[in-house]
PDB file of all heavy atoms in Angstrom:
ATOM      1  N   GLY A   1       0.822  -1.239  -0.051  1.00  0.00           N
ATOM      2  CA  GLY A   1       0.021   0.044  -0.021  1.00  0.00           C
ATOM      3  C   GLY A   1       0.892   1.261  -0.013  1.00  0.00           C
ATOM      4  O   GLY A   1       0.328   2.329   0.095  1.00  0.00           O
ATOM      5  N   ASN A   2       2.125   1.122  -0.124  1.00  0.00           N
ATOM      6  CA  ASN A   2       3.059   2.270  -0.089  1.00  0.00           C
ATOM      7  C   ASN A   2       4.001   2.172  -1.314  1.00  0.00           C
ATOM      8  O   ASN A   2       4.292   1.033  -1.797  1.00  0.00           O
ATOM      9  CB  ASN A   2       3.965   2.215   1.153  1.00  0.00           C
ATOM     10  CG  ASN A   2       3.189   2.492   2.371  1.00  0.00           C
ATOM     11  OD1 ASN A   2       2.652   3.535   2.653  1.00  0.00           O
ATOM     12  ND2 ASN A   2       3.079   1.436   3.211  1.00  0.00           N
ATOM     13  N   ASN A   3       4.447   3.326  -1.695  1.00  0.00           N
ATOM     14  CA  ASN A   3       5.568   3.369  -2.732  1.00  0.00           C
ATOM     15  C   ASN A   3       6.856   2.911  -2.096  1.00  0.00           C
ATOM     16  O   ASN A   3       7.074   3.217  -0.892  1.00  0.00           O
ATOM     17  CB  ASN A   3       5.649   4.725  -3.343  1.00  0.00           C
ATOM     18  CG  ASN A   3       4.443   5.150  -4.162  1.00  0.00           C
ATOM     19  OD1 ASN A   3       3.968   4.330  -4.943  1.00  0.00           O
ATOM     20  ND2 ASN A   3       4.011   6.367  -4.042  1.00  0.00           N
ATOM     21  N   LEU A   4       7.657   2.212  -2.846  1.00  0.00           N
ATOM     22  CA  LEU A   4       8.974   1.872  -2.406  1.00  0.00           C
ATOM     23  C   LEU A   4       9.768   3.124  -2.263  1.00  0.00           C
ATOM     24  O   LEU A   4       9.937   3.878  -3.212  1.00  0.00           O
ATOM     25  CB  LEU A   4       9.651   0.887  -3.348  1.00  0.00           C
ATOM     26  CG  LEU A   4      11.120   0.420  -3.011  1.00  0.00           C
ATOM     27  CD1 LEU A   4      11.033  -0.356  -1.738  1.00  0.00           C
ATOM     28  CD2 LEU A   4      11.712  -0.372  -4.124  1.00  0.00           C
ATOM     29  N   LYS A   5      10.306   3.445  -1.068  1.00  0.00           N
ATOM     30  CA  LYS A   5      11.054   4.628  -0.842  1.00  0.00           C
ATOM     31  C   LYS A   5      12.554   4.332  -0.867  1.00  0.00           C
ATOM     32  O   LYS A   5      13.113   3.640   0.099  1.00  0.00           O
ATOM     33  CB  LYS A   5      10.666   5.207   0.543  1.00  0.00           C
ATOM     34  CG  LYS A   5       9.221   5.697   0.532  1.00  0.00           C
ATOM     35  CD  LYS A   5       8.908   6.355   1.873  1.00  0.00           C
ATOM     36  CE  LYS A   5       7.459   6.831   1.816  1.00  0.00           C
ATOM     37  NZ  LYS A   5       7.129   7.429   3.047  1.00  0.00           N
ATOM     38  N   CYS A   6      13.182   4.757  -1.891  1.00  0.00           N
ATOM     39  CA  CYS A   6      14.668   4.520  -2.052  1.00  0.00           C
ATOM     40  C   CYS A   6      15.335   5.753  -2.296  1.00  0.00           C
ATOM     41  O   CYS A   6      14.728   6.811  -2.798  1.00  0.00           O
ATOM     42  CB  CYS A   6      14.911   3.596  -3.333  1.00  0.00           C
ATOM     43  SG  CYS A   6      14.330   1.946  -3.088  1.00  0.00           S
ATOM     44  N   THR A   7      16.577   5.920  -1.897  1.00  0.00           N
ATOM     45  CA  THR A   7      17.447   7.040  -2.138  1.00  0.00           C
ATOM     46  C   THR A   7      18.867   6.554  -2.495  1.00  0.00           C
ATOM     47  O   THR A   7      19.291   5.574  -2.008  1.00  0.00           O
ATOM     48  CB  THR A   7      17.382   8.036  -0.975  1.00  0.00           C
ATOM     49  OG1 THR A   7      18.229   9.191  -1.359  1.00  0.00           O
ATOM     50  CG2 THR A   7      17.975   7.421   0.283  1.00  0.00           C
ATOM     51  N   LYS A   8      19.447   7.317  -3.398  1.00  0.00           N
ATOM     52  CA  LYS A   8      20.868   6.977  -3.741  1.00  0.00           C
ATOM     53  C   LYS A   8      21.814   7.893  -3.081  1.00  0.00           C
ATOM     54  O   LYS A   8      23.029   7.619  -3.014  1.00  0.00           O
ATOM     55  CB  LYS A   8      21.019   7.092  -5.283  1.00  0.00           C
ATOM     56  CG  LYS A   8      20.287   6.099  -6.089  1.00  0.00           C
ATOM     57  CD  LYS A   8      20.505   6.173  -7.507  1.00  0.00           C
ATOM     58  CE  LYS A   8      19.641   5.137  -8.191  1.00  0.00           C
ATOM     59  NZ  LYS A   8      19.991   4.780  -9.456  1.00  0.00           N
ATOM     60  N   MET A   9      21.311   8.894  -2.451  1.00  0.00           N
ATOM     61  CA  MET A   9      22.189   9.933  -1.796  1.00  0.00           C
ATOM     62  C   MET A   9      21.518  10.187  -0.432  1.00  0.00           C
ATOM     63  O   MET A   9      20.315  10.416  -0.330  1.00  0.00           O
ATOM     64  CB  MET A   9      22.330  11.202  -2.601  1.00  0.00           C
ATOM     65  CG  MET A   9      22.997  10.931  -3.959  1.00  0.00           C
ATOM     66  SD  MET A   9      23.294  12.413  -4.913  1.00  0.00           S
ATOM     67  CE  MET A   9      24.588  13.157  -3.910  1.00  0.00           C
ATOM     68  N   SER A  10      22.320  10.235   0.586  1.00  0.00           N
ATOM     69  CA  SER A  10      21.814  10.519   1.862  1.00  0.00           C
ATOM     70  C   SER A  10      22.910  11.066   2.721  1.00  0.00           C
ATOM     71  O   SER A  10      24.099  10.681   2.589  1.00  0.00           O
ATOM     72  CB  SER A  10      21.280   9.245   2.524  1.00  0.00           C
ATOM     73  OG  SER A  10      20.817   9.516   3.840  1.00  0.00           O
ATOM     74  N   SER A  11      22.525  11.954   3.601  1.00  0.00           N
ATOM     75  CA  SER A  11      23.516  12.513   4.544  1.00  0.00           C
ATOM     76  C   SER A  11      23.847  11.532   5.647  1.00  0.00           C
ATOM     77  O   SER A  11      24.917  11.606   6.188  1.00  0.00           O
ATOM     78  CB  SER A  11      23.036  13.845   5.134  1.00  0.00           C
ATOM     79  OG  SER A  11      21.860  13.577   5.857  1.00  0.00           O
ATOM     80  N   GLU A  12      22.915  10.582   5.802  1.00  0.00           N
ATOM     81  CA  GLU A  12      23.138   9.677   6.926  1.00  0.00           C
ATOM     82  C   GLU A  12      22.604   8.312   6.500  1.00  0.00           C
ATOM     83  O   GLU A  12      21.377   8.135   6.429  1.00  0.00           O
ATOM     84  CB  GLU A  12      22.477  10.081   8.233  1.00  0.00           C
ATOM     85  CG  GLU A  12      22.824   9.261   9.382  1.00  0.00           C
ATOM     86  CD  GLU A  12      22.347   9.858  10.688  1.00  0.00           C
ATOM     87  OE1 GLU A  12      21.764  10.901  10.702  1.00  0.00           O
ATOM     88  OE2 GLU A  12      22.539   9.201  11.724  1.00  0.00           O
ATOM     89  N   VAL A  13      23.464   7.339   6.299  1.00  0.00           N
ATOM     90  CA  VAL A  13      23.009   5.957   6.039  1.00  0.00           C
ATOM     91  C   VAL A  13      23.184   5.208   7.364  1.00  0.00           C
ATOM     92  O   VAL A  13      24.199   5.216   7.978  1.00  0.00           O
ATOM     93  CB  VAL A  13      23.918   5.321   4.962  1.00  0.00           C
ATOM     94  CG1 VAL A  13      23.574   3.833   4.817  1.00  0.00           C
ATOM     95  CG2 VAL A  13      23.749   6.037   3.638  1.00  0.00           C
ATOM     96  N   LYS A  14      22.134   4.551   7.779  1.00  0.00           N
ATOM     97  CA  LYS A  14      22.174   3.804   9.004  1.00  0.00           C
ATOM     98  C   LYS A  14      22.232   2.291   8.695  1.00  0.00           C
ATOM     99  O   LYS A  14      21.493   1.811   7.790  1.00  0.00           O
ATOM    100  CB  LYS A  14      20.907   4.076   9.873  1.00  0.00           C
ATOM    101  CG  LYS A  14      20.929   5.507  10.395  1.00  0.00           C
ATOM    102  CD  LYS A  14      20.128   5.547  11.670  1.00  0.00           C
ATOM    103  CE  LYS A  14      20.134   6.996  12.109  1.00  0.00           C
ATOM    104  NZ  LYS A  14      20.499   7.125  13.479  1.00  0.00           N
ATOM    105  N   LEU A  15      23.086   1.572   9.348  1.00  0.00           N
ATOM    106  CA  LEU A  15      23.222   0.177   9.146  1.00  0.00           C
ATOM    107  C   LEU A  15      22.088  -0.544  10.017  1.00  0.00           C
ATOM    108  O   LEU A  15      22.024  -0.339  11.175  1.00  0.00           O
ATOM    109  CB  LEU A  15      24.583  -0.303   9.564  1.00  0.00           C
ATOM    110  CG  LEU A  15      25.738   0.359   8.824  1.00  0.00           C
ATOM    111  CD1 LEU A  15      27.052  -0.102   9.387  1.00  0.00           C
ATOM    112  CD2 LEU A  15      25.664   0.129   7.378  1.00  0.00           C
ATOM    113  N   TRP A  16      21.293  -1.322   9.282  1.00  0.00           N
ATOM    114  CA  TRP A  16      20.162  -1.921   9.931  1.00  0.00           C
ATOM    115  C   TRP A  16      20.638  -3.017  10.924  1.00  0.00           C
ATOM    116  O   TRP A  16      19.992  -3.221  11.985  1.00  0.00           O
ATOM    117  CB  TRP A  16      19.186  -2.517   8.911  1.00  0.00           C
ATOM    118  CG  TRP A  16      17.982  -3.174   9.476  1.00  0.00           C
ATOM    119  CD1 TRP A  16      16.920  -2.490  10.033  1.00  0.00           C
ATOM    120  CD2 TRP A  16      17.672  -4.461   9.635  1.00  0.00           C
ATOM    121  NE1 TRP A  16      15.947  -3.332  10.476  1.00  0.00           N
ATOM    122  CE2 TRP A  16      16.422  -4.624  10.255  1.00  0.00           C
ATOM    123  CE3 TRP A  16      18.438  -5.683   9.286  1.00  0.00           C
ATOM    124  CZ2 TRP A  16      15.892  -5.862  10.478  1.00  0.00           C
ATOM    125  CZ3 TRP A  16      17.806  -6.888   9.550  1.00  0.00           C
ATOM    126  CH2 TRP A  16      16.556  -6.989  10.169  1.00  0.00           C
ATOM    127  N   ASN A  17      21.631  -3.791  10.580  1.00  0.00           N
ATOM    128  CA  ASN A  17      21.994  -4.946  11.329  1.00  0.00           C
ATOM    129  C   ASN A  17      23.311  -4.812  12.144  1.00  0.00           C
ATOM    130  O   ASN A  17      23.857  -5.726  12.529  1.00  0.00           O
ATOM    131  CB  ASN A  17      22.099  -6.193  10.470  1.00  0.00           C
ATOM    132  CG  ASN A  17      23.134  -6.050   9.437  1.00  0.00           C
ATOM    133  OD1 ASN A  17      23.339  -4.986   8.907  1.00  0.00           O
ATOM    134  ND2 ASN A  17      23.861  -7.088   9.119  1.00  0.00           N
ATOM    135  N   GLY A  18      23.717  -3.616  12.357  1.00  0.00           N
ATOM    136  CA  GLY A  18      24.880  -3.483  13.161  1.00  0.00           C
ATOM    137  C   GLY A  18      25.626  -2.117  12.895  1.00  0.00           C
ATOM    138  O   GLY A  18      25.656  -1.682  11.793  1.00  0.00           O
ATOM    139  N   ASP A  19      26.105  -1.538  13.941  1.00  0.00           N
ATOM    140  CA  ASP A  19      26.935  -0.411  13.784  1.00  0.00           C
ATOM    141  C   ASP A  19      28.226  -0.648  14.486  1.00  0.00           C
ATOM    142  O   ASP A  19      28.505  -1.810  14.982  1.00  0.00           O
ATOM    143  CB  ASP A  19      26.269   0.869  14.384  1.00  0.00           C
ATOM    144  CG  ASP A  19      25.927   0.718  15.855  1.00  0.00           C
ATOM    145  OD1 ASP A  19      26.737   0.114  16.614  1.00  0.00           O
ATOM    146  OD2 ASP A  19      24.802   1.152  16.295  1.00  0.00           O
ATOM    147  N   PHE A  20      29.106   0.305  14.555  1.00  0.00           N
ATOM    148  CA  PHE A  20      30.446   0.068  15.087  1.00  0.00           C
ATOM    149  C   PHE A  20      30.751   0.777  16.401  1.00  0.00           C
ATOM    150  O   PHE A  20      31.834   1.091  16.713  1.00  0.00           O
ATOM    151  CB  PHE A  20      31.465   0.428  13.986  1.00  0.00           C
ATOM    152  CG  PHE A  20      31.348  -0.392  12.739  1.00  0.00           C
ATOM    153  CD1 PHE A  20      30.684   0.018  11.667  1.00  0.00           C
ATOM    154  CD2 PHE A  20      31.805  -1.781  12.748  1.00  0.00           C
ATOM    155  CE1 PHE A  20      30.531  -0.723  10.543  1.00  0.00           C
ATOM    156  CE2 PHE A  20      31.612  -2.559  11.647  1.00  0.00           C
ATOM    157  CZ  PHE A  20      30.984  -2.059  10.559  1.00  0.00           C
ATOM    158  N   THR A  21      29.637   0.974  17.163  1.00  0.00           N
ATOM    159  CA  THR A  21      29.852   1.462  18.555  1.00  0.00           C
ATOM    160  C   THR A  21      30.167   0.299  19.419  1.00  0.00           C
ATOM    161  O   THR A  21      29.858  -0.859  19.121  1.00  0.00           O
ATOM    162  CB  THR A  21      28.508   2.186  19.088  1.00  0.00           C
ATOM    163  OG1 THR A  21      27.490   1.200  19.035  1.00  0.00           O
ATOM    164  CG2 THR A  21      28.154   3.393  18.165  1.00  0.00           C
ATOM    165  N   ASN A  22      30.857   0.546  20.518  1.00  0.00           N
ATOM    166  CA  ASN A  22      31.312  -0.480  21.411  1.00  0.00           C
ATOM    167  C   ASN A  22      31.961  -1.622  20.718  1.00  0.00           C
ATOM    168  O   ASN A  22      31.649  -2.799  20.882  1.00  0.00           O
ATOM    169  CB  ASN A  22      30.115  -1.006  22.245  1.00  0.00           C
ATOM    170  CG  ASN A  22      29.482   0.067  23.045  1.00  0.00           C
ATOM    171  OD1 ASN A  22      30.123   0.918  23.660  1.00  0.00           O
ATOM    172  ND2 ASN A  22      28.180  -0.001  23.137  1.00  0.00           N
ATOM    173  N   ILE A  23      32.905  -1.281  19.827  1.00  0.00           N
ATOM    174  CA  ILE A  23      33.551  -2.250  18.962  1.00  0.00           C
ATOM    175  C   ILE A  23      34.180  -3.431  19.662  1.00  0.00           C
ATOM    176  O   ILE A  23      34.115  -4.568  19.212  1.00  0.00           O
ATOM    177  CB  ILE A  23      34.474  -1.538  17.936  1.00  0.00           C
ATOM    178  CG1 ILE A  23      34.724  -2.454  16.792  1.00  0.00           C
ATOM    179  CG2 ILE A  23      35.788  -1.101  18.586  1.00  0.00           C
ATOM    180  CD1 ILE A  23      35.262  -1.803  15.513  1.00  0.00           C
ATOM    181  N   LYS A  24      34.807  -3.205  20.803  1.00  0.00           N
ATOM    182  CA  LYS A  24      35.485  -4.301  21.537  1.00  0.00           C
ATOM    183  C   LYS A  24      34.484  -5.267  22.020  1.00  0.00           C
ATOM    184  O   LYS A  24      34.706  -6.528  21.945  1.00  0.00           O
ATOM    185  CB  LYS A  24      36.311  -3.727  22.706  1.00  0.00           C
ATOM    186  CG  LYS A  24      37.530  -3.054  22.312  1.00  0.00           C
ATOM    187  CD  LYS A  24      38.409  -2.610  23.510  1.00  0.00           C
ATOM    188  CE  LYS A  24      39.654  -1.864  23.034  1.00  0.00           C
ATOM    189  NZ  LYS A  24      40.465  -1.424  24.144  1.00  0.00           N
ATOM    190  N   VAL A  25      33.350  -4.855  22.523  1.00  0.00           N
ATOM    191  CA  VAL A  25      32.288  -5.750  23.024  1.00  0.00           C
ATOM    192  C   VAL A  25      31.740  -6.514  21.809  1.00  0.00           C
ATOM    193  O   VAL A  25      31.563  -7.692  21.900  1.00  0.00           O
ATOM    194  CB  VAL A  25      31.217  -4.939  23.739  1.00  0.00           C
ATOM    195  CG1 VAL A  25      29.993  -5.827  24.062  1.00  0.00           C
ATOM    196  CG2 VAL A  25      31.783  -4.316  25.018  1.00  0.00           C
ATOM    197  N   LYS A  26      31.408  -5.843  20.750  1.00  0.00           N
ATOM    198  CA  LYS A  26      30.843  -6.477  19.527  1.00  0.00           C
ATOM    199  C   LYS A  26      31.850  -7.530  18.994  1.00  0.00           C
ATOM    200  O   LYS A  26      31.391  -8.594  18.571  1.00  0.00           O
ATOM    201  CB  LYS A  26      30.409  -5.458  18.550  1.00  0.00           C
ATOM    202  CG  LYS A  26      29.149  -4.762  19.017  1.00  0.00           C
ATOM    203  CD  LYS A  26      28.643  -3.802  17.999  1.00  0.00           C
ATOM    204  CE  LYS A  26      27.373  -3.184  18.580  1.00  0.00           C
ATOM    205  NZ  LYS A  26      26.905  -2.109  17.748  1.00  0.00           N
ATOM    206  N   ARG A  27      33.070  -7.225  19.008  1.00  0.00           N
ATOM    207  CA  ARG A  27      34.053  -8.233  18.501  1.00  0.00           C
ATOM    208  C   ARG A  27      34.024  -9.487  19.399  1.00  0.00           C
ATOM    209  O   ARG A  27      34.115 -10.616  18.879  1.00  0.00           O
ATOM    210  CB  ARG A  27      35.447  -7.624  18.429  1.00  0.00           C
ATOM    211  CG  ARG A  27      35.677  -6.705  17.252  1.00  0.00           C
ATOM    212  CD  ARG A  27      37.040  -6.172  17.241  1.00  0.00           C
ATOM    213  NE  ARG A  27      37.319  -5.410  16.001  1.00  0.00           N
ATOM    214  CZ  ARG A  27      38.380  -4.601  15.889  1.00  0.00           C
ATOM    215  NH1 ARG A  27      39.252  -4.415  16.869  1.00  0.00           N
ATOM    216  NH2 ARG A  27      38.396  -3.889  14.796  1.00  0.00           N
ATOM    217  N   LYS A  28      33.969  -9.219  20.618  1.00  0.00           N
ATOM    218  CA  LYS A  28      33.868 -10.380  21.568  1.00  0.00           C
ATOM    219  C   LYS A  28      32.708 -11.249  21.429  1.00  0.00           C
ATOM    220  O   LYS A  28      32.659 -12.432  21.393  1.00  0.00           O
ATOM    221  CB  LYS A  28      34.067  -9.922  23.053  1.00  0.00           C
ATOM    222  CG  LYS A  28      34.277 -11.001  24.030  1.00  0.00           C
ATOM    223  CD  LYS A  28      34.597 -10.464  25.405  1.00  0.00           C
ATOM    224  CE  LYS A  28      34.875 -11.628  26.317  1.00  0.00           C
ATOM    225  NZ  LYS A  28      35.335 -11.138  27.667  1.00  0.00           N
ATOM    226  N   LEU A  29      31.551 -10.520  21.278  1.00  0.00           N
ATOM    227  CA  LEU A  29      30.250 -11.218  21.120  1.00  0.00           C
ATOM    228  C   LEU A  29      30.167 -11.990  19.815  1.00  0.00           C
ATOM    229  O   LEU A  29      29.498 -12.957  19.627  1.00  0.00           O
ATOM    230  CB  LEU A  29      29.095 -10.291  21.306  1.00  0.00           C
ATOM    231  CG  LEU A  29      28.911  -9.684  22.679  1.00  0.00           C
ATOM    232  CD1 LEU A  29      27.796  -8.608  22.644  1.00  0.00           C
ATOM    233  CD2 LEU A  29      28.531 -10.790  23.712  1.00  0.00           C
ATOM    234  N   GLN A  30      30.817 -11.375  18.768  1.00  0.00           N
ATOM    235  CA  GLN A  30      30.717 -11.979  17.444  1.00  0.00           C
ATOM    236  C   GLN A  30      31.726 -13.075  17.240  1.00  0.00           C
ATOM    237  O   GLN A  30      31.696 -13.855  16.275  1.00  0.00           O
ATOM    238  CB  GLN A  30      30.919 -10.845  16.406  1.00  0.00           C
ATOM    239  CG  GLN A  30      30.604 -11.178  15.050  1.00  0.00           C
ATOM    240  CD  GLN A  30      29.032 -11.241  14.867  1.00  0.00           C
ATOM    241  OE1 GLN A  30      28.233 -10.724  15.644  1.00  0.00           O
ATOM    242  NE2 GLN A  30      28.633 -11.843  13.781  1.00  0.00           N
ATOM    243  N   SER A  31      32.752 -13.124  18.058  1.00  0.00           N
ATOM    244  CA  SER A  31      33.898 -14.069  17.851  1.00  0.00           C
ATOM    245  C   SER A  31      33.514 -15.478  18.107  1.00  0.00           C
ATOM    246  O   SER A  31      33.034 -15.867  19.208  1.00  0.00           O
ATOM    247  CB  SER A  31      35.041 -13.652  18.848  1.00  0.00           C
ATOM    248  OG  SER A  31      35.997 -14.705  18.818  1.00  0.00           O
ATOM    249  N   LYS A  32      33.737 -16.398  17.183  1.00  0.00           N
ATOM    250  CA  LYS A  32      33.478 -17.764  17.345  1.00  0.00           C
ATOM    251  C   LYS A  32      34.350 -18.415  18.350  1.00  0.00           C
ATOM    252  O   LYS A  32      34.012 -19.323  19.041  1.00  0.00           O
ATOM    253  CB  LYS A  32      33.506 -18.471  15.981  1.00  0.00           C
ATOM    254  CG  LYS A  32      32.359 -18.059  15.117  1.00  0.00           C
ATOM    255  CD  LYS A  32      32.671 -18.139  13.604  1.00  0.00           C
ATOM    256  CE  LYS A  32      31.589 -17.643  12.765  1.00  0.00           C
ATOM    257  NZ  LYS A  32      31.378 -16.172  12.786  1.00  0.00           N
ATOM    258  N   LEU A  33      35.645 -17.856  18.426  1.00  0.00           N
ATOM    259  CA  LEU A  33      36.583 -18.434  19.394  1.00  0.00           C
ATOM    260  C   LEU A  33      36.194 -18.149  20.843  1.00  0.00           C
ATOM    261  O   LEU A  33      36.146 -18.958  21.719  1.00  0.00           O
ATOM    262  CB  LEU A  33      37.958 -17.849  19.150  1.00  0.00           C
ATOM    263  CG  LEU A  33      38.674 -18.165  17.811  1.00  0.00           C
ATOM    264  CD1 LEU A  33      40.010 -17.440  17.647  1.00  0.00           C
ATOM    265  CD2 LEU A  33      38.851 -19.686  17.772  1.00  0.00           C
ATOM    266  N   GLU A  34      35.715 -16.865  21.022  1.00  0.00           N
ATOM    267  CA  GLU A  34      35.203 -16.460  22.316  1.00  0.00           C
ATOM    268  C   GLU A  34      33.968 -17.249  22.711  1.00  0.00           C
ATOM    269  O   GLU A  34      33.808 -17.642  23.899  1.00  0.00           O
ATOM    270  CB  GLU A  34      34.875 -14.914  22.451  1.00  0.00           C
ATOM    271  CG  GLU A  34      36.052 -14.103  22.375  1.00  0.00           C
ATOM    272  CD  GLU A  34      37.024 -14.176  23.571  1.00  0.00           C
ATOM    273  OE1 GLU A  34      36.561 -14.400  24.678  1.00  0.00           O
ATOM    274  OE2 GLU A  34      38.194 -14.007  23.358  1.00  0.00           O
ATOM    275  N   THR A  35      33.094 -17.520  21.807  1.00  0.00           N
ATOM    276  CA  THR A  35      31.902 -18.300  22.014  1.00  0.00           C
ATOM    277  C   THR A  35      32.274 -19.768  22.445  1.00  0.00           C
ATOM    278  O   THR A  35      31.768 -20.250  23.421  1.00  0.00           O
ATOM    279  CB  THR A  35      31.016 -18.310  20.752  1.00  0.00           C
ATOM    280  OG1 THR A  35      30.613 -17.005  20.487  1.00  0.00           O
ATOM    281  CG2 THR A  35      29.745 -19.166  21.009  1.00  0.00           C
ATOM    282  N   LEU A  36      33.197 -20.341  21.697  1.00  0.00           N
ATOM    283  CA  LEU A  36      33.620 -21.732  22.044  1.00  0.00           C
ATOM    284  C   LEU A  36      34.259 -21.750  23.427  1.00  0.00           C
ATOM    285  O   LEU A  36      34.004 -22.606  24.236  1.00  0.00           O
ATOM    286  CB  LEU A  36      34.564 -22.219  20.992  1.00  0.00           C
ATOM    287  CG  LEU A  36      35.052 -23.684  21.232  1.00  0.00           C
ATOM    288  CD1 LEU A  36      33.910 -24.691  21.324  1.00  0.00           C
ATOM    289  CD2 LEU A  36      36.017 -24.119  20.161  1.00  0.00           C
ATOM    290  N   LYS A  37      35.082 -20.800  23.751  1.00  0.00           N
ATOM    291  CA  LYS A  37      35.764 -20.747  25.095  1.00  0.00           C
ATOM    292  C   LYS A  37      34.681 -20.622  26.152  1.00  0.00           C
ATOM    293  O   LYS A  37      34.816 -21.273  27.205  1.00  0.00           O
ATOM    294  CB  LYS A  37      36.698 -19.552  25.112  1.00  0.00           C
ATOM    295  CG  LYS A  37      37.998 -19.691  24.399  1.00  0.00           C
ATOM    296  CD  LYS A  37      38.822 -18.399  24.497  1.00  0.00           C
ATOM    297  CE  LYS A  37      39.990 -18.489  23.558  1.00  0.00           C
ATOM    298  NZ  LYS A  37      40.759 -17.196  23.565  1.00  0.00           N
TER     299      LYS A  37
END
């Protein structure tokens, strides 16, 4: 019921599935080695 809203240019692109804040924590949570340990 809506038009597809797309843009090729934006002042701010947001990543839907992850950003890079708290990078040390995210690396630890994402690490397969840390998970196995």
